[in-house]
Protein backbone atom coordinates (compact mmCIF):
# COMPACT_ATOMS: atom_id res chain seq x y z
CA UNK A 1 13.11 -53.58 0.74
CA UNK A 2 13.36 -49.85 -0.37
CA UNK A 3 16.35 -48.88 -1.45
CA UNK A 4 17.61 -46.30 1.28
CA UNK A 5 18.87 -43.95 -1.15
CA UNK A 6 16.62 -43.48 -2.76
CA UNK A 7 13.94 -43.07 0.24
CA UNK A 8 16.27 -40.46 1.78
CA UNK A 9 16.72 -38.08 -1.44
CA UNK A 10 12.60 -38.79 -2.20
CA UNK A 11 12.37 -37.08 1.81
CA UNK A 12 15.40 -34.40 1.43
CA UNK A 13 13.00 -32.68 -1.88
CA UNK A 14 10.78 -32.93 -0.13
CA UNK A 15 11.41 -30.87 2.43
CA UNK A 16 13.84 -28.84 0.38
CA UNK A 17 9.99 -28.31 -1.59
CA UNK A 18 8.83 -27.17 1.82
CA UNK A 19 10.66 -24.85 2.52
CA UNK A 20 10.95 -22.90 -0.47
CA UNK A 21 7.50 -22.90 -0.89
CA UNK A 22 7.03 -21.35 2.86
CA UNK A 23 10.15 -18.81 1.45
CA UNK A 24 7.69 -17.87 -0.83
CA UNK A 25 4.50 -17.22 1.20
CA UNK A 26 6.62 -15.49 3.39
CA UNK A 27 8.04 -13.43 0.75
CA UNK A 28 4.33 -12.82 -0.67
CA UNK A 29 2.87 -12.26 2.18
CA UNK A 30 6.25 -8.90 3.08
CA UNK A 31 5.39 -7.33 -0.14
CA UNK A 32 1.84 -7.16 0.39
CA UNK A 33 1.59 -6.30 3.56
CA UNK A 34 4.60 -3.63 2.17
CA UNK A 35 2.39 -2.83 -0.65
CA UNK A 36 -0.77 -2.03 2.15
CA UNK A 37 1.36 -0.43 4.48
CA UNK A 38 2.52 2.20 1.63
CA UNK A 39 -0.86 3.12 -0.13
CA UNK A 40 -2.77 3.87 3.61
CA UNK A 41 0.45 5.95 3.50
CA UNK A 42 -0.35 7.63 0.98
CA UNK A 43 -3.98 8.01 1.51
CA UNK A 44 -3.42 9.70 4.79
CA UNK A 45 -0.83 11.96 3.12
CA UNK A 46 2.07 11.07 5.05
CA UNK A 47 3.84 10.01 1.71
CA UNK A 48 4.14 10.43 -1.62
CA UNK A 49 2.45 8.85 -4.69
CA UNK A 50 5.45 9.25 -6.77
CA UNK A 51 8.34 11.03 -6.55
CA UNK A 52 6.67 14.25 -5.73
CA UNK A 53 5.35 15.44 -2.97
CA UNK A 54 3.70 18.83 -3.21
CA UNK A 55 1.44 20.42 -5.30
CA UNK A 56 -1.97 20.08 -6.53
CA UNK A 57 -1.99 16.72 -8.16
CA UNK A 58 -0.76 15.48 -4.52
CA UNK A 59 -2.93 17.17 -2.16
CA UNK A 60 -6.11 15.96 -4.95
CA UNK A 61 -4.33 12.57 -3.47
CA UNK A 62 -4.12 12.45 0.62
CA UNK A 63 -7.21 12.71 2.79
CA UNK A 64 -5.70 16.20 4.30
CA UNK A 65 -5.24 17.80 1.16
CA UNK A 66 -9.65 16.28 -0.15
CA UNK A 67 -10.57 17.47 2.69
CA UNK A 68 -8.87 20.98 2.71
CA UNK A 69 -10.40 21.59 -1.41
CA UNK A 70 -14.23 19.88 0.70
CA UNK A 71 -13.55 22.85 2.52
CA UNK A 72 -12.27 25.47 0.63
CA UNK A 73 -15.43 24.56 -1.70
CA UNK A 74 -17.36 25.02 1.26
CA UNK A 75 -16.53 27.90 2.67
CA UNK A 76 -16.51 29.14 -1.16
CA UNK A 77 -20.26 28.27 -1.41
CA UNK A 78 -20.82 29.96 1.22
CA UNK A 79 -19.44 33.35 1.07
CA UNK A 80 -21.20 33.54 -1.86
CA UNK A 81 -24.98 32.41 -0.93
CA UNK A 82 -23.94 35.99 1.45
CA UNK A 83 -22.61 37.64 -1.06
CA UNK A 84 -19.54 37.72 0.97
CA UNK A 85 -16.70 39.59 -1.51
CA UNK A 86 -13.06 38.44 -0.16
């Protein structure tokens, strides 16, 4: 016959380990989601990648800034091709 205190302590240890694993999985999932959300916000231009939120470097890191740069370059190329002066 098995010792009941041994069985109960093994059960408690097993359940404690499972709860710990669930907590780790929850933390990892939360962290991954937060990272993806931050990267998406940076890419769209809603949030700064670092502590600053203006200037050429910030604009080059966002979709809005990259779109603006492409538009400005296309406009400059068109002006040059048509020999238009500003």
